[in-house]
Amino acid sequence: PTDVLAGAALGIGITYVMSARAIRTRVAAPMLAFAQRYPGVFYGAAFV
């Protein structure tokens, strides 16, 4: 049980930190730009 509890807490914590505006916008910007410029390649890679 403690394996799952610790894993859940760590996973939630990682996303919470990554979702901070300064981190979120910097990490997501290249992906969103790529999706807009090369939608075919992006959605193919997203499927995989």
ModelCIF file with pLDDT and N, C-alpha, C, O atoms, coordinates in Angstrom:
data_MODEL
#
_entry.id   MODEL 
#
_entity.id                         1 
_entity.type                       polymer 
_entity.pdbx_number_of_molecules   1 
#
_entity_poly.entity_id                      1 
_entity_poly.type                           'polypeptide(L)' 
_entity_poly.nstd_linkage                   no 
_entity_poly.nstd_monomer                   no 
_entity_poly.pdbx_seq_one_letter_code       PTDVLAGAALGIGITYVMSARAIRTRVAAPMLAFAQRYPGVFYGAAFV 
_entity_poly.pdbx_seq_one_letter_code_can   PTDVLAGAALGIGITYVMSARAIRTRVAAPMLAFAQRYPGVFYGAAFV 
_entity_poly.pdbx_strand_id                 A 
#
loop_
_entity_poly_seq.entity_id 
_entity_poly_seq.num 
_entity_poly_seq.mon_id 
_entity_poly_seq.hetero 
1 1  PRO n 
1 2  THR n 
1 3  ASP n 
1 4  VAL n 
1 5  LEU n 
1 6  ALA n 
1 7  GLY n 
1 8  ALA n 
1 9  ALA n 
1 10 LEU n 
1 11 GLY n 
1 12 ILE n 
1 13 GLY n 
1 14 ILE n 
1 15 THR n 
1 16 TYR n 
1 17 VAL n 
1 18 MET n 
1 19 SER n 
1 20 ALA n 
1 21 ARG n 
1 22 ALA n 
1 23 ILE n 
1 24 ARG n 
1 25 THR n 
1 26 ARG n 
1 27 VAL n 
1 28 ALA n 
1 29 ALA n 
1 30 PRO n 
1 31 MET n 
1 32 LEU n 
1 33 ALA n 
1 34 PHE n 
1 35 ALA n 
1 36 GLN n 
1 37 ARG n 
1 38 TYR n 
1 39 PRO n 
1 40 GLY n 
1 41 VAL n 
1 42 PHE n 
1 43 TYR n 
1 44 GLY n 
1 45 ALA n 
1 46 ALA n 
1 47 PHE n 
1 48 VAL n 
#
_struct_asym.id          A 
_struct_asym.entity_id   1 
#
loop_
_ma_qa_metric.id 
_ma_qa_metric.mode 
_ma_qa_metric.name 
_ma_qa_metric.software_group_id 
_ma_qa_metric.type 
1 global pLDDT . pLDDT 
2 local  pLDDT . pLDDT 
#
_ma_qa_metric_global.metric_id      1 
_ma_qa_metric_global.metric_value   94.02 
_ma_qa_metric_global.model_id       1 
_ma_qa_metric_global.ordinal_id     1 
#
loop_
_ma_qa_metric_local.label_asym_id 
_ma_qa_metric_local.label_comp_id 
_ma_qa_metric_local.label_seq_id 
_ma_qa_metric_local.metric_id 
_ma_qa_metric_local.metric_value 
_ma_qa_metric_local.model_id 
_ma_qa_metric_local.ordinal_id 
A PRO 1  2 89.00 1 1  
A THR 2  2 90.00 1 2  
A ASP 3  2 91.00 1 3  
A VAL 4  2 92.00 1 4  
A LEU 5  2 92.00 1 5  
A ALA 6  2 93.00 1 6  
A GLY 7  2 94.00 1 7  
A ALA 8  2 95.00 1 8  
A ALA 9  2 95.00 1 9  
A LEU 10 2 95.00 1 10 
A GLY 11 2 95.00 1 11 
A ILE 12 2 96.00 1 12 
A GLY 13 2 96.00 1 13 
A ILE 14 2 96.00 1 14 
A THR 15 2 96.00 1 15 
A TYR 16 2 95.00 1 16 
A VAL 17 2 95.00 1 17 
A MET 18 2 95.00 1 18 
A SER 19 2 94.00 1 19 
A ALA 20 2 94.00 1 20 
A ARG 21 2 93.00 1 21 
A ALA 22 2 93.00 1 22 
A ILE 23 2 94.00 1 23 
A ARG 24 2 94.00 1 24 
A THR 25 2 93.00 1 25 
A ARG 26 2 94.00 1 26 
A VAL 27 2 94.00 1 27 
A ALA 28 2 94.00 1 28 
A ALA 29 2 94.00 1 29 
A PRO 30 2 94.00 1 30 
A MET 31 2 94.00 1 31 
A LEU 32 2 95.00 1 32 
A ALA 33 2 95.00 1 33 
A PHE 34 2 95.00 1 34 
A ALA 35 2 94.00 1 35 
A GLN 36 2 93.00 1 36 
A ARG 37 2 94.00 1 37 
A TYR 38 2 95.00 1 38 
A PRO 39 2 93.00 1 39 
A GLY 40 2 95.00 1 40 
A VAL 41 2 95.00 1 41 
A PHE 42 2 95.00 1 42 
A TYR 43 2 95.00 1 43 
A GLY 44 2 96.00 1 44 
A ALA 45 2 94.00 1 45 
A ALA 46 2 94.00 1 46 
A PHE 47 2 94.00 1 47 
A VAL 48 2 92.00 1 48 
#
loop_
_atom_site.group_PDB 
_atom_site.id 
_atom_site.type_symbol 
_atom_site.label_atom_id 
_atom_site.label_alt_id 
_atom_site.label_comp_id 
_atom_site.label_asym_id 
_atom_site.label_entity_id 
_atom_site.label_seq_id 
_atom_site.pdbx_PDB_ins_code 
_atom_site.Cartn_x 
_atom_site.Cartn_y 
_atom_site.Cartn_z 
_atom_site.occupancy 
_atom_site.B_iso_or_equiv 
_atom_site.pdbx_formal_charge 
_atom_site.auth_seq_id 
_atom_site.auth_comp_id 
_atom_site.auth_asym_id 
_atom_site.auth_atom_id 
_atom_site.pdbx_PDB_model_num 
ATOM 1   N N  . PRO A 1 1  ? 0.811  -1.228 0.000   1.00 89.00 ? 1  PRO A N  1 
ATOM 2   C CA . PRO A 1 1  ? 0.000  0.000  0.000   1.00 89.00 ? 1  PRO A CA 1 
ATOM 3   C C  . PRO A 1 1  ? 0.841  1.272  0.000   1.00 89.00 ? 1  PRO A C  1 
ATOM 4   O O  . PRO A 1 1  ? 0.509  2.238  -0.687  1.00 89.00 ? 1  PRO A O  1 
ATOM 5   N N  . THR A 1 2  ? 1.930  1.276  0.770   1.00 90.00 ? 2  THR A N  1 
ATOM 6   C CA . THR A 1 2  ? 2.765  2.474  0.821   1.00 90.00 ? 2  THR A CA 1 
ATOM 7   C C  . THR A 1 2  ? 3.501  2.725  -0.492  1.00 90.00 ? 2  THR A C  1 
ATOM 8   O O  . THR A 1 2  ? 3.875  3.863  -0.776  1.00 90.00 ? 2  THR A O  1 
ATOM 9   N N  . ASP A 1 3  ? 3.718  1.676  -1.304  1.00 91.00 ? 3  ASP A N  1 
ATOM 10  C CA . ASP A 1 3  ? 4.285  1.880  -2.637  1.00 91.00 ? 3  ASP A CA 1 
ATOM 11  C C  . ASP A 1 3  ? 3.349  2.735  -3.479  1.00 91.00 ? 3  ASP A C  1 
ATOM 12  O O  . ASP A 1 3  ? 3.776  3.660  -4.169  1.00 91.00 ? 3  ASP A O  1 
ATOM 13  N N  . VAL A 1 4  ? 2.059  2.404  -3.405  1.00 92.00 ? 4  VAL A N  1 
ATOM 14  C CA . VAL A 1 4  ? 1.054  3.114  -4.197  1.00 92.00 ? 4  VAL A CA 1 
ATOM 15  C C  . VAL A 1 4  ? 0.836  4.522  -3.656  1.00 92.00 ? 4  VAL A C  1 
ATOM 16  O O  . VAL A 1 4  ? 0.745  5.478  -4.426  1.00 92.00 ? 4  VAL A O  1 
ATOM 17  N N  . LEU A 1 5  ? 0.751  4.651  -2.336  1.00 92.00 ? 5  LEU A N  1 
ATOM 18  C CA . LEU A 1 5  ? 0.549  5.975  -1.737  1.00 92.00 ? 5  LEU A CA 1 
ATOM 19  C C  . LEU A 1 5  ? 1.703  6.915  -2.073  1.00 92.00 ? 5  LEU A C  1 
ATOM 20  O O  . LEU A 1 5  ? 1.489  8.066  -2.452  1.00 92.00 ? 5  LEU A O  1 
ATOM 21  N N  . ALA A 1 6  ? 2.921  6.414  -1.930  1.00 93.00 ? 6  ALA A N  1 
ATOM 22  C CA . ALA A 1 6  ? 4.094  7.248  -2.238  1.00 93.00 ? 6  ALA A CA 1 
ATOM 23  C C  . ALA A 1 6  ? 4.129  7.598  -3.717  1.00 93.00 ? 6  ALA A C  1 
ATOM 24  O O  . ALA A 1 6  ? 4.418  8.739  -4.077  1.00 93.00 ? 6  ALA A O  1 
ATOM 25  N N  . GLY A 1 7  ? 3.834  6.622  -4.584  1.00 94.00 ? 7  GLY A N  1 
ATOM 26  C CA . GLY A 1 7  ? 3.826  6.878  -6.014  1.00 94.00 ? 7  GLY A CA 1 
ATOM 27  C C  . GLY A 1 7  ? 2.782  7.915  -6.397  1.00 94.00 ? 7  GLY A C  1 
ATOM 28  O O  . GLY A 1 7  ? 3.048  8.800  -7.210  1.00 94.00 ? 7  GLY A O  1 
ATOM 29  N N  . ALA A 1 8  ? 1.589  7.804  -5.809  1.00 95.00 ? 8  ALA A N  1 
ATOM 30  C CA . ALA A 1 8  ? 0.521  8.757  -6.101  1.00 95.00 ? 8  ALA A CA 1 
ATOM 31  C C  . ALA A 1 8  ? 0.915  10.164 -5.669  1.00 95.00 ? 8  ALA A C  1 
ATOM 32  O O  . ALA A 1 8  ? 0.717  11.124 -6.414  1.00 95.00 ? 8  ALA A O  1 
ATOM 33  N N  . ALA A 1 9  ? 1.470  10.285 -4.470  1.00 95.00 ? 9  ALA A N  1 
ATOM 34  C CA . ALA A 1 9  ? 1.872  11.596 -3.962  1.00 95.00 ? 9  ALA A CA 1 
ATOM 35  C C  . ALA A 1 9  ? 2.969  12.208 -4.831  1.00 95.00 ? 9  ALA A C  1 
ATOM 36  O O  . ALA A 1 9  ? 2.936  13.403 -5.123  1.00 95.00 ? 9  ALA A O  1 
ATOM 37  N N  . LEU A 1 10 ? 3.932  11.400 -5.241  1.00 95.00 ? 10 LEU A N  1 
ATOM 38  C CA . LEU A 1 10 ? 5.015  11.907 -6.082  1.00 95.00 ? 10 LEU A CA 1 
ATOM 39  C C  . LEU A 1 10 ? 4.498  12.333 -7.451  1.00 95.00 ? 10 LEU A C  1 
ATOM 40  O O  . LEU A 1 10 ? 4.878  13.388 -7.958  1.00 95.00 ? 10 LEU A O  1 
ATOM 41  N N  . GLY A 1 11 ? 3.633  11.517 -8.049  1.00 95.00 ? 11 GLY A N  1 
ATOM 42  C CA . GLY A 1 11 ? 3.091  11.857 -9.359  1.00 95.00 ? 11 GLY A CA 1 
ATOM 43  C C  . GLY A 1 11 ? 2.294  13.144 -9.331  1.00 95.00 ? 11 GLY A C  1 
ATOM 44  O O  . GLY A 1 11 ? 2.465  14.007 -10.193 1.00 95.00 ? 11 GLY A O  1 
ATOM 45  N N  . ILE A 1 12 ? 1.413  13.276 -8.333  1.00 96.00 ? 12 ILE A N  1 
ATOM 46  C CA . ILE A 1 12 ? 0.616  14.501 -8.194  1.00 96.00 ? 12 ILE A CA 1 
ATOM 47  C C  . ILE A 1 12 ? 1.530  15.702 -7.950  1.00 96.00 ? 12 ILE A C  1 
ATOM 48  O O  . ILE A 1 12 ? 1.318  16.777 -8.510  1.00 96.00 ? 12 ILE A O  1 
ATOM 49  N N  . GLY A 1 13 ? 2.541  15.510 -7.115  1.00 96.00 ? 13 GLY A N  1 
ATOM 50  C CA . GLY A 1 13 ? 3.457  16.610 -6.811  1.00 96.00 ? 13 GLY A CA 1 
ATOM 51  C C  . GLY A 1 13 ? 4.240  17.072 -8.027  1.00 96.00 ? 13 GLY A C  1 
ATOM 52  O O  . GLY A 1 13 ? 4.458  18.270 -8.206  1.00 96.00 ? 13 GLY A O  1 
ATOM 53  N N  . ILE A 1 14 ? 4.665  16.134 -8.865  1.00 96.00 ? 14 ILE A N  1 
ATOM 54  C CA . ILE A 1 14 ? 5.413  16.494 -10.071 1.00 96.00 ? 14 ILE A CA 1 
ATOM 55  C C  . ILE A 1 14 ? 4.557  17.354 -10.996 1.00 96.00 ? 14 ILE A C  1 
ATOM 56  O O  . ILE A 1 14 ? 5.021  18.374 -11.507 1.00 96.00 ? 14 ILE A O  1 
ATOM 57  N N  . THR A 1 15 ? 3.304  16.942 -11.211 1.00 96.00 ? 15 THR A N  1 
ATOM 58  C CA . THR A 1 15 ? 2.424  17.715 -12.091 1.00 96.00 ? 15 THR A CA 1 
ATOM 59  C C  . THR A 1 15 ? 2.110  19.073 -11.493 1.00 96.00 ? 15 THR A C  1 
ATOM 60  O O  . THR A 1 15 ? 2.037  20.068 -12.214 1.00 96.00 ? 15 THR A O  1 
ATOM 61  N N  . TYR A 1 16 ? 1.923  19.125 -10.181 1.00 95.00 ? 16 TYR A N  1 
ATOM 62  C CA . TYR A 1 16 ? 1.624  20.400 -9.537  1.00 95.00 ? 16 TYR A CA 1 
ATOM 63  C C  . TYR A 1 16 ? 2.763  21.394 -9.741  1.00 95.00 ? 16 TYR A C  1 
ATOM 64  O O  . TYR A 1 16 ? 2.527  22.568 -10.025 1.00 95.00 ? 16 TYR A O  1 
ATOM 65  N N  . VAL A 1 17 ? 3.991  20.921 -9.595  1.00 95.00 ? 17 VAL A N  1 
ATOM 66  C CA . VAL A 1 17 ? 5.148  21.802 -9.788  1.00 95.00 ? 17 VAL A CA 1 
ATOM 67  C C  . VAL A 1 17 ? 5.268  22.200 -11.258 1.00 95.00 ? 17 VAL A C  1 
ATOM 68  O O  . VAL A 1 17 ? 5.510  23.366 -11.571 1.00 95.00 ? 17 VAL A O  1 
ATOM 69  N N  . MET A 1 18 ? 5.098  21.239 -12.151 1.00 95.00 ? 18 MET A N  1 
ATOM 70  C CA . MET A 1 18 ? 5.239  21.513 -13.579 1.00 95.00 ? 18 MET A CA 1 
ATOM 71  C C  . MET A 1 18 ? 4.153  22.454 -14.104 1.00 95.00 ? 18 MET A C  1 
ATOM 72  O O  . MET A 1 18 ? 4.349  23.121 -15.120 1.00 95.00 ? 18 MET A O  1 
ATOM 73  N N  . SER A 1 19 ? 3.013  22.510 -13.416 1.00 94.00 ? 19 SER A N  1 
ATOM 74  C CA . SER A 1 19 ? 1.906  23.339 -13.886 1.00 94.00 ? 19 SER A CA 1 
ATOM 75  C C  . SER A 1 19 ? 2.052  24.804 -13.498 1.00 94.00 ? 19 SER A C  1 
ATOM 76  O O  . SER A 1 19 ? 1.242  25.632 -13.913 1.00 94.00 ? 19 SER A O  1 
ATOM 77  N N  . ALA A 1 20 ? 3.068  25.138 -12.711 1.00 94.00 ? 20 ALA A N  1 
ATOM 78  C CA . ALA A 1 20 ? 3.313  26.540 -12.391 1.00 94.00 ? 20 ALA A CA 1 
ATOM 79  C C  . ALA A 1 20 ? 3.492  27.332 -13.687 1.00 94.00 ? 20 ALA A C  1 
ATOM 80  O O  . ALA A 1 20 ? 4.135  26.856 -14.623 1.00 94.00 ? 20 ALA A O  1 
ATOM 81  N N  . ARG A 1 21 ? 2.940  28.506 -13.741 1.00 93.00 ? 21 ARG A N  1 
ATOM 82  C CA . ARG A 1 21 ? 2.874  29.269 -14.993 1.00 93.00 ? 21 ARG A CA 1 
ATOM 83  C C  . ARG A 1 21 ? 4.231  29.394 -15.688 1.00 93.00 ? 21 ARG A C  1 
ATOM 84  O O  . ARG A 1 21 ? 4.333  29.175 -16.895 1.00 93.00 ? 21 ARG A O  1 
ATOM 85  N N  . ALA A 1 22 ? 5.265  29.741 -14.934 1.00 93.00 ? 22 ALA A N  1 
ATOM 86  C CA . ALA A 1 22 ? 6.581  29.951 -15.537 1.00 93.00 ? 22 ALA A CA 1 
ATOM 87  C C  . ALA A 1 22 ? 7.103  28.680 -16.199 1.00 93.00 ? 22 ALA A C  1 
ATOM 88  O O  . ALA A 1 22 ? 7.703  28.732 -17.273 1.00 93.00 ? 22 ALA A O  1 
ATOM 89  N N  . ILE A 1 23 ? 6.872  27.537 -15.552 1.00 94.00 ? 23 ILE A N  1 
ATOM 90  C CA . ILE A 1 23 ? 7.341  26.261 -16.105 1.00 94.00 ? 23 ILE A CA 1 
ATOM 91  C C  . ILE A 1 23 ? 6.419  25.800 -17.221 1.00 94.00 ? 23 ILE A C  1 
ATOM 92  O O  . ILE A 1 23 ? 6.877  25.362 -18.276 1.00 94.00 ? 23 ILE A O  1 
ATOM 93  N N  . ARG A 1 24 ? 5.111  25.902 -16.984 1.00 94.00 ? 24 ARG A N  1 
ATOM 94  C CA . ARG A 1 24 ? 4.122  25.391 -17.943 1.00 94.00 ? 24 ARG A CA 1 
ATOM 95  C C  . ARG A 1 24 ? 4.271  26.050 -19.304 1.00 94.00 ? 24 ARG A C  1 
ATOM 96  O O  . ARG A 1 24 ? 4.324  25.367 -20.327 1.00 94.00 ? 24 ARG A O  1 
ATOM 97  N N  . THR A 1 25 ? 4.338  27.373 -19.316 1.00 93.00 ? 25 THR A N  1 
ATOM 98  C CA . THR A 1 25 ? 4.401  28.074 -20.591 1.00 93.00 ? 25 THR A CA 1 
ATOM 99  C C  . THR A 1 25 ? 5.703  27.794 -21.329 1.00 93.00 ? 25 THR A C  1 
ATOM 100 O O  . THR A 1 25 ? 5.712  27.680 -22.555 1.00 93.00 ? 25 THR A O  1 
ATOM 101 N N  . ARG A 1 26 ? 6.787  27.686 -20.597 1.00 94.00 ? 26 ARG A N  1 
ATOM 102 C CA . ARG A 1 26 ? 8.080  27.439 -21.245 1.00 94.00 ? 26 ARG A CA 1 
ATOM 103 C C  . ARG A 1 26 ? 8.153  26.032 -21.821 1.00 94.00 ? 26 ARG A C  1 
ATOM 104 O O  . ARG A 1 26 ? 8.669  25.839 -22.922 1.00 94.00 ? 26 ARG A O  1 
ATOM 105 N N  . VAL A 1 27 ? 7.642  25.050 -21.090 1.00 94.00 ? 27 VAL A N  1 
ATOM 106 C CA . VAL A 1 27 ? 7.691  23.665 -21.561 1.00 94.00 ? 27 VAL A CA 1 
ATOM 107 C C  . VAL A 1 27 ? 6.741  23.457 -22.728 1.00 94.00 ? 27 VAL A C  1 
ATOM 108 O O  . VAL A 1 27 ? 7.083  22.773 -23.692 1.00 94.00 ? 27 VAL A O  1 
ATOM 109 N N  . ALA A 1 28 ? 5.535  24.048 -22.648 1.00 94.00 ? 28 ALA A N  1 
ATOM 110 C CA . ALA A 1 28 ? 4.509  23.780 -23.649 1.00 94.00 ? 28 ALA A CA 1 
ATOM 111 C C  . ALA A 1 28 ? 4.701  24.566 -24.941 1.00 94.00 ? 28 ALA A C  1 
ATOM 112 O O  . ALA A 1 28 ? 4.268  24.118 -26.003 1.00 94.00 ? 28 ALA A O  1 
ATOM 113 N N  . ALA A 1 29 ? 5.333  25.712 -24.872 1.00 94.00 ? 29 ALA A N  1 
ATOM 114 C CA . ALA A 1 29 ? 5.429  26.591 -26.047 1.00 94.00 ? 29 ALA A CA 1 
ATOM 115 C C  . ALA A 1 29 ? 6.011  25.887 -27.275 1.00 94.00 ? 29 ALA A C  1 
ATOM 116 O O  . ALA A 1 29 ? 5.411  25.992 -28.344 1.00 94.00 ? 29 ALA A O  1 
ATOM 117 N N  . PRO A 1 30 ? 7.140  25.178 -27.191 1.00 94.00 ? 30 PRO A N  1 
ATOM 118 C CA . PRO A 1 30 ? 7.676  24.528 -28.394 1.00 94.00 ? 30 PRO A CA 1 
ATOM 119 C C  . PRO A 1 30 ? 6.723  23.489 -28.972 1.00 94.00 ? 30 PRO A C  1 
ATOM 120 O O  . PRO A 1 30 ? 6.603  23.377 -30.192 1.00 94.00 ? 30 PRO A O  1 
ATOM 121 N N  . MET A 1 31 ? 6.037  22.720 -28.106 1.00 94.00 ? 31 MET A N  1 
ATOM 122 C CA . MET A 1 31 ? 5.108  21.693 -28.588 1.00 94.00 ? 31 MET A CA 1 
ATOM 123 C C  . MET A 1 31 ? 3.912  22.314 -29.292 1.00 94.00 ? 31 MET A C  1 
ATOM 124 O O  . MET A 1 31 ? 3.487  21.829 -30.340 1.00 94.00 ? 31 MET A O  1 
ATOM 125 N N  . LEU A 1 32 ? 3.369  23.381 -28.726 1.00 95.00 ? 32 LEU A N  1 
ATOM 126 C CA . LEU A 1 32 ? 2.217  24.021 -29.336 1.00 95.00 ? 32 LEU A CA 1 
ATOM 127 C C  . LEU A 1 32 ? 2.597  24.682 -30.665 1.00 95.00 ? 32 LEU A C  1 
ATOM 128 O O  . LEU A 1 32 ? 1.817  24.668 -31.617 1.00 95.00 ? 32 LEU A O  1 
ATOM 129 N N  . ALA A 1 33 ? 3.774  25.248 -30.719 1.00 95.00 ? 33 ALA A N  1 
ATOM 130 C CA . ALA A 1 33 ? 4.238  25.848 -31.973 1.00 95.00 ? 33 ALA A CA 1 
ATOM 131 C C  . ALA A 1 33 ? 4.440  24.779 -33.042 1.00 95.00 ? 33 ALA A C  1 
ATOM 132 O O  . ALA A 1 33 ? 4.099  24.980 -34.207 1.00 95.00 ? 33 ALA A O  1 
ATOM 133 N N  . PHE A 1 34 ? 4.996  23.645 -32.635 1.00 95.00 ? 34 PHE A N  1 
ATOM 134 C CA . PHE A 1 34 ? 5.210  22.546 -33.576 1.00 95.00 ? 34 PHE A CA 1 
ATOM 135 C C  . PHE A 1 34 ? 3.879  21.994 -34.075 1.00 95.00 ? 34 PHE A C  1 
ATOM 136 O O  . PHE A 1 34 ? 3.740  21.670 -35.255 1.00 95.00 ? 34 PHE A O  1 
ATOM 137 N N  . ALA A 1 35 ? 2.894  21.886 -33.168 1.00 94.00 ? 35 ALA A N  1 
ATOM 138 C CA . ALA A 1 35 ? 1.573  21.386 -33.546 1.00 94.00 ? 35 ALA A CA 1 
ATOM 139 C C  . ALA A 1 35 ? 0.902  22.297 -34.563 1.00 94.00 ? 35 ALA A C  1 
ATOM 140 O O  . ALA A 1 35 ? 0.207  21.827 -35.464 1.00 94.00 ? 35 ALA A O  1 
ATOM 141 N N  . GLN A 1 36 ? 1.108  23.583 -34.417 1.00 93.00 ? 36 GLN A N  1 
ATOM 142 C CA . GLN A 1 36 ? 0.491  24.539 -35.339 1.00 93.00 ? 36 GLN A CA 1 
ATOM 143 C C  . GLN A 1 36 ? 1.192  24.542 -36.691 1.00 93.00 ? 36 GLN A C  1 
ATOM 144 O O  . GLN A 1 36 ? 0.550  24.720 -37.727 1.00 93.00 ? 36 GLN A O  1 
ATOM 145 N N  . ARG A 1 37 ? 2.502  24.345 -36.682 1.00 94.00 ? 37 ARG A N  1 
ATOM 146 C CA . ARG A 1 37 ? 3.255  24.438 -37.939 1.00 94.00 ? 37 ARG A CA 1 
ATOM 147 C C  . ARG A 1 37 ? 3.245  23.118 -38.713 1.00 94.00 ? 37 ARG A C  1 
ATOM 148 O O  . ARG A 1 37 ? 3.169  23.115 -39.942 1.00 94.00 ? 37 ARG A O  1 
ATOM 149 N N  . TYR A 1 38 ? 3.321  21.998 -37.986 1.00 95.00 ? 38 TYR A N  1 
ATOM 150 C CA . TYR A 1 38 ? 3.353  20.680 -38.630 1.00 95.00 ? 38 TYR A CA 1 
ATOM 151 C C  . TYR A 1 38 ? 2.287  19.770 -38.013 1.00 95.00 ? 38 TYR A C  1 
ATOM 152 O O  . TYR A 1 38 ? 2.629  18.802 -37.334 1.00 95.00 ? 38 TYR A O  1 
ATOM 153 N N  . PRO A 1 39 ? 1.014  20.061 -38.236 1.00 93.00 ? 39 PRO A N  1 
ATOM 154 C CA . PRO A 1 39 ? -0.037 19.296 -37.570 1.00 93.00 ? 39 PRO A CA 1 
ATOM 155 C C  . PRO A 1 39 ? -0.032 17.806 -37.904 1.00 93.00 ? 39 PRO A C  1 
ATOM 156 O O  . PRO A 1 39 ? -0.297 16.974 -37.037 1.00 93.00 ? 39 PRO A O  1 
ATOM 157 N N  . GLY A 1 40 ? 0.272  17.466 -39.168 1.00 95.00 ? 40 GLY A N  1 
ATOM 158 C CA . GLY A 1 40 ? 0.285  16.055 -39.544 1.00 95.00 ? 40 GLY A CA 1 
ATOM 159 C C  . GLY A 1 40 ? 1.314  15.261 -38.767 1.00 95.00 ? 40 GLY A C  1 
ATOM 160 O O  . GLY A 1 40 ? 1.011  14.205 -38.213 1.00 95.00 ? 40 GLY A O  1 
ATOM 161 N N  . VAL A 1 41 ? 2.539  15.781 -38.730 1.00 95.00 ? 41 VAL A N  1 
ATOM 162 C CA . VAL A 1 41 ? 3.616  15.106 -38.005 1.00 95.00 ? 41 VAL A CA 1 
ATOM 163 C C  . VAL A 1 41 ? 3.311  15.078 -36.506 1.00 95.00 ? 41 VAL A C  1 
ATOM 164 O O  . VAL A 1 41 ? 3.531  14.073 -35.831 1.00 95.00 ? 41 VAL A O  1 
ATOM 165 N N  . PHE A 1 42 ? 2.803  16.200 -36.006 1.00 95.00 ? 42 PHE A N  1 
ATOM 166 C CA . PHE A 1 42 ? 2.529  16.290 -34.573 1.00 95.00 ? 42 PHE A CA 1 
ATOM 167 C C  . PHE A 1 42 ? 1.498  15.256 -34.145 1.00 95.00 ? 42 PHE A C  1 
ATOM 168 O O  . PHE A 1 42 ? 1.721  14.533 -33.174 1.00 95.00 ? 42 PHE A O  1 
ATOM 169 N N  . TYR A 1 43 ? 0.368  15.172 -34.854 1.00 95.00 ? 43 TYR A N  1 
ATOM 170 C CA . TYR A 1 43 ? -0.689 14.265 -34.429 1.00 95.00 ? 43 TYR A CA 1 
ATOM 171 C C  . TYR A 1 43 ? -0.307 12.805 -34.671 1.00 95.00 ? 43 TYR A C  1 
ATOM 172 O O  . TYR A 1 43 ? -0.750 11.919 -33.940 1.00 95.00 ? 43 TYR A O  1 
ATOM 173 N N  . GLY A 1 44 ? 0.503  12.556 -35.681 1.00 96.00 ? 44 GLY A N  1 
ATOM 174 C CA . GLY A 1 44 ? 1.021  11.203 -35.857 1.00 96.00 ? 44 GLY A CA 1 
ATOM 175 C C  . GLY A 1 44 ? 1.897  10.786 -34.688 1.00 96.00 ? 44 GLY A C  1 
ATOM 176 O O  . GLY A 1 44 ? 1.755  9.689  -34.148 1.00 96.00 ? 44 GLY A O  1 
ATOM 177 N N  . ALA A 1 45 ? 2.806  11.678 -34.304 1.00 94.00 ? 45 ALA A N  1 
ATOM 178 C CA . ALA A 1 45 ? 3.680  11.399 -33.167 1.00 94.00 ? 45 ALA A CA 1 
ATOM 179 C C  . ALA A 1 45 ? 2.882  11.316 -31.873 1.00 94.00 ? 45 ALA A C  1 
ATOM 180 O O  . ALA A 1 45 ? 3.198  10.508 -30.999 1.00 94.00 ? 45 ALA A O  1 
ATOM 181 N N  . ALA A 1 46 ? 1.841  12.154 -31.742 1.00 94.00 ? 46 ALA A N  1 
ATOM 182 C CA . ALA A 1 46 ? 1.003  12.130 -30.552 1.00 94.00 ? 46 ALA A CA 1 
ATOM 183 C C  . ALA A 1 46 ? 0.270  10.806 -30.426 1.00 94.00 ? 46 ALA A C  1 
ATOM 184 O O  . ALA A 1 46 ? 0.084  10.299 -29.320 1.00 94.00 ? 46 ALA A O  1 
ATOM 185 N N  . PHE A 1 47 ? -0.152 10.239 -31.565 1.00 94.00 ? 47 PHE A N  1 
ATOM 186 C CA . PHE A 1 47 ? -0.806 8.935  -31.539 1.00 94.00 ? 47 PHE A CA 1 
ATOM 187 C C  . PHE A 1 47 ? 0.144  7.863  -31.027 1.00 94.00 ? 47 PHE A C  1 
ATOM 188 O O  . PHE A 1 47 ? -0.221 7.057  -30.170 1.00 94.00 ? 47 PHE A O  1 
ATOM 189 N N  . VAL A 1 48 ? 1.368  7.859  -31.557 1.00 92.00 ? 48 VAL A N  1 
ATOM 190 C CA . VAL A 1 48 ? 2.353  6.860  -31.115 1.00 92.00 ? 48 VAL A CA 1 
ATOM 191 C C  . VAL A 1 48 ? 2.665  7.027  -29.630 1.00 92.00 ? 48 VAL A C  1 
ATOM 192 O O  . VAL A 1 48 ? 3.472  6.277  -29.081 1.00 92.00 ? 48 VAL A O  1 
#
